[in-house]
Amino acid sequence: MIDVFGKMMLALFVPALLVLLFTRITYNRYVALLLAIALIAASVYAGYTSPPIIFVVDAFSLTVGFWLASRMQKK
């Protein structure tokens, strides 16, 4: 079982990577952000995010991923 530190590390990197991956697939950063939010909402509904600080880390990671996707699309 993953402890809180492991969940925080996953929450720090996985949402940003999801936004970047979905941006490459859909060629639209807004659709990619919505898809990543939908996946995170499904994991929250399933109960995989137990401490509330995980929500903040997920939101930060989504923001960073969206920013990186914006920079990636300009090139």
PDB file of N, CA and C in Angstrom:
ATOM      1  N   MET A   1       0.835  -1.178   0.000  1.00  0.00           N
ATOM      2  CA  MET A   1       0.000   0.000   0.000  1.00  0.00           C
ATOM      3  C   MET A   1       0.883   1.245   0.000  1.00  0.00           C
ATOM      4  N   ILE A   2       0.485   2.225  -0.785  1.00  0.00           N
ATOM      5  CA  ILE A   2       1.271   3.451  -0.909  1.00  0.00           C
ATOM      6  C   ILE A   2       0.965   4.368   0.268  1.00  0.00           C
ATOM      7  N   ASP A   3       2.012   4.908   0.889  1.00  0.00           N
ATOM      8  CA  ASP A   3       1.816   5.821   2.005  1.00  0.00           C
ATOM      9  C   ASP A   3       1.529   7.228   1.482  1.00  0.00           C
ATOM     10  N   VAL A   4       1.377   8.177   2.376  1.00  0.00           N
ATOM     11  CA  VAL A   4       1.026   9.541   2.003  1.00  0.00           C
ATOM     12  C   VAL A   4       2.124  10.191   1.166  1.00  0.00           C
ATOM     13  N   PHE A   5       3.386   9.924   1.494  1.00  0.00           N
ATOM     14  CA  PHE A   5       4.482  10.503   0.719  1.00  0.00           C
ATOM     15  C   PHE A   5       4.459   9.992  -0.724  1.00  0.00           C
ATOM     16  N   GLY A   6       4.191   8.725  -0.902  1.00  0.00           N
ATOM     17  CA  GLY A   6       4.102   8.160  -2.247  1.00  0.00           C
ATOM     18  C   GLY A   6       2.948   8.751  -3.032  1.00  0.00           C
ATOM     19  N   LYS A   7       1.801   8.952  -2.370  1.00  0.00           N
ATOM     20  CA  LYS A   7       0.661   9.573  -3.040  1.00  0.00           C
ATOM     21  C   LYS A   7       0.962  11.011  -3.431  1.00  0.00           C
ATOM     22  N   MET A   8       1.709  11.717  -2.566  1.00  0.00           N
ATOM     23  CA  MET A   8       2.049  13.108  -2.892  1.00  0.00           C
ATOM     24  C   MET A   8       2.994  13.165  -4.086  1.00  0.00           C
ATOM     25  N   MET A   9       3.937  12.246  -4.166  1.00  0.00           N
ATOM     26  CA  MET A   9       4.863  12.228  -5.303  1.00  0.00           C
ATOM     27  C   MET A   9       4.126  11.900  -6.594  1.00  0.00           C
ATOM     28  N   LEU A  10       3.212  10.952  -6.527  1.00  0.00           N
ATOM     29  CA  LEU A  10       2.418  10.631  -7.720  1.00  0.00           C
ATOM     30  C   LEU A  10       1.523  11.800  -8.112  1.00  0.00           C
ATOM     31  N   ALA A  11       0.921  12.458  -7.130  1.00  0.00           N
ATOM     32  CA  ALA A  11       0.049  13.601  -7.406  1.00  0.00           C
ATOM     33  C   ALA A  11       0.830  14.783  -7.956  1.00  0.00           C
ATOM     34  N   LEU A  12       2.104  14.838  -7.683  1.00  0.00           N
ATOM     35  CA  LEU A  12       2.930  15.940  -8.173  1.00  0.00           C
ATOM     36  C   LEU A  12       3.280  15.777  -9.648  1.00  0.00           C
ATOM     37  N   PHE A  13       3.443  14.553 -10.115  1.00  0.00           N
ATOM     38  CA  PHE A  13       3.918  14.337 -11.482  1.00  0.00           C
ATOM     39  C   PHE A  13       2.863  13.791 -12.443  1.00  0.00           C
ATOM     40  N   VAL A  14       2.006  12.915 -12.001  1.00  0.00           N
ATOM     41  CA  VAL A  14       1.094  12.219 -12.915  1.00  0.00           C
ATOM     42  C   VAL A  14       0.089  13.158 -13.592  1.00  0.00           C
ATOM     43  N   PRO A  15      -0.586  14.081 -12.881  1.00  0.00           N
ATOM     44  CA  PRO A  15      -1.527  14.951 -13.603  1.00  0.00           C
ATOM     45  C   PRO A  15      -0.866  15.826 -14.671  1.00  0.00           C
ATOM     46  N   ALA A  16       0.321  16.329 -14.399  1.00  0.00           N
ATOM     47  CA  ALA A  16       1.017  17.135 -15.410  1.00  0.00           C
ATOM     48  C   ALA A  16       1.366  16.285 -16.624  1.00  0.00           C
ATOM     49  N   LEU A  17       1.820  15.073 -16.383  1.00  0.00           N
ATOM     50  CA  LEU A  17       2.140  14.182 -17.497  1.00  0.00           C
ATOM     51  C   LEU A  17       0.894  13.788 -18.285  1.00  0.00           C
ATOM     52  N   LEU A  18      -0.229  13.625 -17.584  1.00  0.00           N
ATOM     53  CA  LEU A  18      -1.476  13.323 -18.279  1.00  0.00           C
ATOM     54  C   LEU A  18      -1.889  14.464 -19.198  1.00  0.00           C
ATOM     55  N   VAL A  19      -1.779  15.697 -18.720  1.00  0.00           N
ATOM     56  CA  VAL A  19      -2.131  16.844 -19.556  1.00  0.00           C
ATOM     57  C   VAL A  19      -1.225  16.905 -20.783  1.00  0.00           C
ATOM     58  N   LEU A  20       0.061  16.668 -20.588  1.00  0.00           N
ATOM     59  CA  LEU A  20       0.976  16.684 -21.736  1.00  0.00           C
ATOM     60  C   LEU A  20       0.665  15.556 -22.716  1.00  0.00           C
ATOM     61  N   LEU A  21       0.391  14.373 -22.202  1.00  0.00           N
ATOM     62  CA  LEU A  21       0.058  13.242 -23.072  1.00  0.00           C
ATOM     63  C   LEU A  21      -1.230  13.496 -23.847  1.00  0.00           C
ATOM     64  N   PHE A  22      -2.253  13.957 -23.157  1.00  0.00           N
ATOM     65  CA  PHE A  22      -3.525  14.215 -23.834  1.00  0.00           C
ATOM     66  C   PHE A  22      -3.417  15.380 -24.815  1.00  0.00           C
ATOM     67  N   THR A  23      -2.529  16.334 -24.549  1.00  0.00           N
ATOM     68  CA  THR A  23      -2.313  17.424 -25.500  1.00  0.00           C
ATOM     69  C   THR A  23      -1.701  16.890 -26.782  1.00  0.00           C
ATOM     70  N   ARG A  24      -0.761  15.964 -26.649  1.00  0.00           N
ATOM     71  CA  ARG A  24      -0.147  15.374 -27.834  1.00  0.00           C
ATOM     72  C   ARG A  24      -1.154  14.533 -28.625  1.00  0.00           C
ATOM     73  N   ILE A  25      -2.094  13.910 -27.937  1.00  0.00           N
ATOM     74  CA  ILE A  25      -3.071  13.052 -28.616  1.00  0.00           C
ATOM     75  C   ILE A  25      -4.171  13.882 -29.268  1.00  0.00           C
ATOM     76  N   THR A  26      -4.719  14.877 -28.531  1.00  0.00           N
ATOM     77  CA  THR A  26      -5.876  15.624 -29.028  1.00  0.00           C
ATOM     78  C   THR A  26      -5.514  16.903 -29.770  1.00  0.00           C
ATOM     79  N   TYR A  27      -4.265  17.372 -29.651  1.00  0.00           N
ATOM     80  CA  TYR A  27      -3.816  18.630 -30.238  1.00  0.00           C
ATOM     81  C   TYR A  27      -4.593  19.841 -29.715  1.00  0.00           C
ATOM     82  N   ASN A  28      -5.174  19.708 -28.524  1.00  0.00           N
ATOM     83  CA  ASN A  28      -5.904  20.807 -27.914  1.00  0.00           C
ATOM     84  C   ASN A  28      -5.660  20.749 -26.413  1.00  0.00           C
ATOM     85  N   ARG A  29      -5.065  21.804 -25.863  1.00  0.00           N
ATOM     86  CA  ARG A  29      -4.707  21.767 -24.442  1.00  0.00           C
ATOM     87  C   ARG A  29      -5.917  21.880 -23.531  1.00  0.00           C
ATOM     88  N   TYR A  30      -7.001  22.503 -23.995  1.00  0.00           N
ATOM     89  CA  TYR A  30      -8.205  22.610 -23.170  1.00  0.00           C
ATOM     90  C   TYR A  30      -8.907  21.257 -23.034  1.00  0.00           C
ATOM     91  N   VAL A  31      -8.995  20.533 -24.123  1.00  0.00           N
ATOM     92  CA  VAL A  31      -9.576  19.189 -24.077  1.00  0.00           C
ATOM     93  C   VAL A  31      -8.708  18.278 -23.215  1.00  0.00           C
ATOM     94  N   ALA A  32      -7.411  18.424 -23.336  1.00  0.00           N
ATOM     95  CA  ALA A  32      -6.493  17.619 -22.533  1.00  0.00           C
ATOM     96  C   ALA A  32      -6.666  17.910 -21.049  1.00  0.00           C
ATOM     97  N   LEU A  33      -6.820  19.176 -20.701  1.00  0.00           N
ATOM     98  CA  LEU A  33      -7.036  19.535 -19.302  1.00  0.00           C
ATOM     99  C   LEU A  33      -8.347  18.959 -18.786  1.00  0.00           C
ATOM    100  N   LEU A  34      -9.397  19.027 -19.587  1.00  0.00           N
ATOM    101  CA  LEU A  34     -10.688  18.461 -19.167  1.00  0.00           C
ATOM    102  C   LEU A  34     -10.611  16.947 -18.991  1.00  0.00           C
ATOM    103  N   LEU A  35      -9.906  16.265 -19.882  1.00  0.00           N
ATOM    104  CA  LEU A  35      -9.747  14.821 -19.743  1.00  0.00           C
ATOM    105  C   LEU A  35      -8.970  14.460 -18.480  1.00  0.00           C
ATOM    106  N   ALA A  36      -7.921  15.201 -18.184  1.00  0.00           N
ATOM    107  CA  ALA A  36      -7.135  14.938 -16.977  1.00  0.00           C
ATOM    108  C   ALA A  36      -7.959  15.220 -15.724  1.00  0.00           C
ATOM    109  N   ILE A  37      -8.742  16.292 -15.740  1.00  0.00           N
ATOM    110  CA  ILE A  37      -9.611  16.587 -14.596  1.00  0.00           C
ATOM    111  C   ILE A  37     -10.647  15.497 -14.416  1.00  0.00           C
ATOM    112  N   ALA A  38     -11.184  14.972 -15.508  1.00  0.00           N
ATOM    113  CA  ALA A  38     -12.162  13.892 -15.419  1.00  0.00           C
ATOM    114  C   ALA A  38     -11.546  12.636 -14.801  1.00  0.00           C
ATOM    115  N   LEU A  39     -10.310  12.321 -15.177  1.00  0.00           N
ATOM    116  CA  LEU A  39      -9.648  11.157 -14.581  1.00  0.00           C
ATOM    117  C   LEU A  39      -9.372  11.353 -13.092  1.00  0.00           C
ATOM    118  N   ILE A  40      -8.975  12.559 -12.719  1.00  0.00           N
ATOM    119  CA  ILE A  40      -8.723  12.828 -11.309  1.00  0.00           C
ATOM    120  C   ILE A  40     -10.030  12.818 -10.527  1.00  0.00           C
ATOM    121  N   ALA A  41     -11.093  13.347 -11.111  1.00  0.00           N
ATOM    122  CA  ALA A  41     -12.401  13.314 -10.442  1.00  0.00           C
ATOM    123  C   ALA A  41     -12.874  11.877 -10.240  1.00  0.00           C
ATOM    124  N   ALA A  42     -12.603  11.018 -11.206  1.00  0.00           N
ATOM    125  CA  ALA A  42     -12.971   9.606 -11.052  1.00  0.00           C
ATOM    126  C   ALA A  42     -12.178   8.949  -9.934  1.00  0.00           C
ATOM    127  N   SER A  43     -10.899   9.306  -9.801  1.00  0.00           N
ATOM    128  CA  SER A  43     -10.099   8.727  -8.714  1.00  0.00           C
ATOM    129  C   SER A  43     -10.532   9.265  -7.358  1.00  0.00           C
ATOM    130  N   VAL A  44     -10.959  10.519  -7.313  1.00  0.00           N
ATOM    131  CA  VAL A  44     -11.489  11.071  -6.055  1.00  0.00           C
ATOM    132  C   VAL A  44     -12.778  10.361  -5.687  1.00  0.00           C
ATOM    133  N   TYR A  45     -13.633  10.156  -6.675  1.00  0.00           N
ATOM    134  CA  TYR A  45     -14.904   9.466  -6.426  1.00  0.00           C
ATOM    135  C   TYR A  45     -14.674   8.026  -5.962  1.00  0.00           C
ATOM    136  N   ALA A  46     -13.646   7.384  -6.482  1.00  0.00           N
ATOM    137  CA  ALA A  46     -13.338   6.007  -6.092  1.00  0.00           C
ATOM    138  C   ALA A  46     -12.668   5.941  -4.720  1.00  0.00           C
ATOM    139  N   GLY A  47     -12.174   7.067  -4.223  1.00  0.00           N
ATOM    140  CA  GLY A  47     -11.614   7.105  -2.891  1.00  0.00           C
ATOM    141  C   GLY A  47     -10.114   6.907  -2.814  1.00  0.00           C
ATOM    142  N   TYR A  48      -9.398   7.191  -3.879  1.00  0.00           N
ATOM    143  CA  TYR A  48      -7.952   6.996  -3.886  1.00  0.00           C
ATOM    144  C   TYR A  48      -7.173   8.179  -3.328  1.00  0.00           C
ATOM    145  N   THR A  49      -7.838   9.288  -3.091  1.00  0.00           N
ATOM    146  CA  THR A  49      -7.159  10.476  -2.568  1.00  0.00           C
ATOM    147  C   THR A  49      -7.647  10.720  -1.153  1.00  0.00           C
ATOM    148  N   SER A  50      -6.964  10.131  -0.191  1.00  0.00           N
ATOM    149  CA  SER A  50      -7.440  10.215   1.182  1.00  0.00           C
ATOM    150  C   SER A  50      -7.096  11.523   1.884  1.00  0.00           C
ATOM    151  N   PRO A  51      -5.847  11.986   1.960  1.00  0.00           N
ATOM    152  CA  PRO A  51      -5.623  13.273   2.642  1.00  0.00           C
ATOM    153  C   PRO A  51      -6.022  14.448   1.746  1.00  0.00           C
ATOM    154  N   PRO A  52      -6.628  15.475   2.300  1.00  0.00           N
ATOM    155  CA  PRO A  52      -7.067  16.619   1.476  1.00  0.00           C
ATOM    156  C   PRO A  52      -5.923  17.383   0.800  1.00  0.00           C
ATOM    157  N   ILE A  53      -4.709  17.277   1.292  1.00  0.00           N
ATOM    158  CA  ILE A  53      -3.593  17.981   0.664  1.00  0.00           C
ATOM    159  C   ILE A  53      -3.321  17.445  -0.748  1.00  0.00           C
ATOM    160  N   ILE A  54      -3.755  16.232  -1.018  1.00  0.00           N
ATOM    161  CA  ILE A  54      -3.581  15.643  -2.353  1.00  0.00           C
ATOM    162  C   ILE A  54      -4.347  16.451  -3.399  1.00  0.00           C
ATOM    163  N   PHE A  55      -5.507  17.025  -3.028  1.00  0.00           N
ATOM    164  CA  PHE A  55      -6.273  17.842  -3.966  1.00  0.00           C
ATOM    165  C   PHE A  55      -5.479  19.076  -4.380  1.00  0.00           C
ATOM    166  N   VAL A  56      -4.803  19.682  -3.428  1.00  0.00           N
ATOM    167  CA  VAL A  56      -4.013  20.876  -3.715  1.00  0.00           C
ATOM    168  C   VAL A  56      -2.830  20.529  -4.617  1.00  0.00           C
ATOM    169  N   VAL A  57      -2.182  19.416  -4.332  1.00  0.00           N
ATOM    170  CA  VAL A  57      -1.028  18.995  -5.142  1.00  0.00           C
ATOM    171  C   VAL A  57      -1.487  18.633  -6.553  1.00  0.00           C
ATOM    172  N   ASP A  58      -2.644  17.978  -6.676  1.00  0.00           N
ATOM    173  CA  ASP A  58      -3.190  17.667  -8.000  1.00  0.00           C
ATOM    174  C   ASP A  58      -3.483  18.941  -8.790  1.00  0.00           C
ATOM    175  N   ALA A  59      -4.092  19.925  -8.147  1.00  0.00           N
ATOM    176  CA  ALA A  59      -4.418  21.183  -8.828  1.00  0.00           C
ATOM    177  C   ALA A  59      -3.146  21.901  -9.274  1.00  0.00           C
ATOM    178  N   PHE A  60      -2.134  21.908  -8.424  1.00  0.00           N
ATOM    179  CA  PHE A  60      -0.856  22.524  -8.794  1.00  0.00           C
ATOM    180  C   PHE A  60      -0.241  21.804  -9.995  1.00  0.00           C
ATOM    181  N   SER A  61      -0.277  20.488  -9.976  1.00  0.00           N
ATOM    182  CA  SER A  61       0.305  19.717 -11.064  1.00  0.00           C
ATOM    183  C   SER A  61      -0.472  19.918 -12.365  1.00  0.00           C
ATOM    184  N   LEU A  62      -1.783  20.014 -12.289  1.00  0.00           N
ATOM    185  CA  LEU A  62      -2.572  20.294 -13.488  1.00  0.00           C
ATOM    186  C   LEU A  62      -2.223  21.660 -14.064  1.00  0.00           C
ATOM    187  N   THR A  63      -2.017  22.639 -13.187  1.00  0.00           N
ATOM    188  CA  THR A  63      -1.654  23.977 -13.640  1.00  0.00           C
ATOM    189  C   THR A  63      -0.299  23.968 -14.337  1.00  0.00           C
ATOM    190  N   VAL A  64       0.662  23.282 -13.751  1.00  0.00           N
ATOM    191  CA  VAL A  64       1.989  23.184 -14.362  1.00  0.00           C
ATOM    192  C   VAL A  64       1.903  22.444 -15.698  1.00  0.00           C
ATOM    193  N   GLY A  65       1.134  21.370 -15.744  1.00  0.00           N
ATOM    194  CA  GLY A  65       0.971  20.633 -16.996  1.00  0.00           C
ATOM    195  C   GLY A  65       0.316  21.463 -18.080  1.00  0.00           C
ATOM    196  N   PHE A  66      -0.681  22.266 -17.711  1.00  0.00           N
ATOM    197  CA  PHE A  66      -1.335  23.140 -18.689  1.00  0.00           C
ATOM    198  C   PHE A  66      -0.367  24.201 -19.189  1.00  0.00           C
ATOM    199  N   TRP A  67       0.451  24.750 -18.293  1.00  0.00           N
ATOM    200  CA  TRP A  67       1.446  25.748 -18.688  1.00  0.00           C
ATOM    201  C   TRP A  67       2.469  25.135 -19.641  1.00  0.00           C
ATOM    202  N   LEU A  68       2.939  23.923 -19.316  1.00  0.00           N
ATOM    203  CA  LEU A  68       3.891  23.261 -20.202  1.00  0.00           C
ATOM    204  C   LEU A  68       3.268  22.918 -21.550  1.00  0.00           C
ATOM    205  N   ALA A  69       2.011  22.534 -21.542  1.00  0.00           N
ATOM    206  CA  ALA A  69       1.319  22.239 -22.817  1.00  0.00           C
ATOM    207  C   ALA A  69       1.160  23.493 -23.649  1.00  0.00           C
ATOM    208  N   SER A  70       0.925  24.616 -23.000  1.00  0.00           N
ATOM    209  CA  SER A  70       0.838  25.886 -23.729  1.00  0.00           C
ATOM    210  C   SER A  70       2.159  26.242 -24.381  1.00  0.00           C
ATOM    211  N   ARG A  71       3.236  26.041 -23.657  1.00  0.00           N
ATOM    212  CA  ARG A  71       4.574  26.305 -24.216  1.00  0.00           C
ATOM    213  C   ARG A  71       4.900  25.316 -25.322  1.00  0.00           C
ATOM    214  N   MET A  72       4.457  24.073 -25.167  1.00  0.00           N
ATOM    215  CA  MET A  72       4.744  23.047 -26.166  1.00  0.00           C
ATOM    216  C   MET A  72       3.996  23.329 -27.465  1.00  0.00           C
ATOM    217  N   GLN A  73       2.751  23.825 -27.377  1.00  0.00           N
ATOM    218  CA  GLN A  73       1.978  24.071 -28.577  1.00  0.00           C
ATOM    219  C   GLN A  73       2.499  25.255 -29.364  1.00  0.00           C
ATOM    220  N   LYS A  74       3.136  26.213 -28.721  1.00  0.00           N
ATOM    221  CA  LYS A  74       3.635  27.394 -29.423  1.00  0.00           C
ATOM    222  C   LYS A  74       4.819  27.055 -30.319  1.00  0.00           C
ATOM    223  N   LYS A  75       5.562  26.007 -29.975  1.00  0.00           N
ATOM    224  CA  LYS A  75       6.755  25.658 -30.758  1.00  0.00           C
ATOM    225  C   LYS A  75       6.408  24.880 -32.003  1.00  0.00           C
TER     226      LYS A  75
END
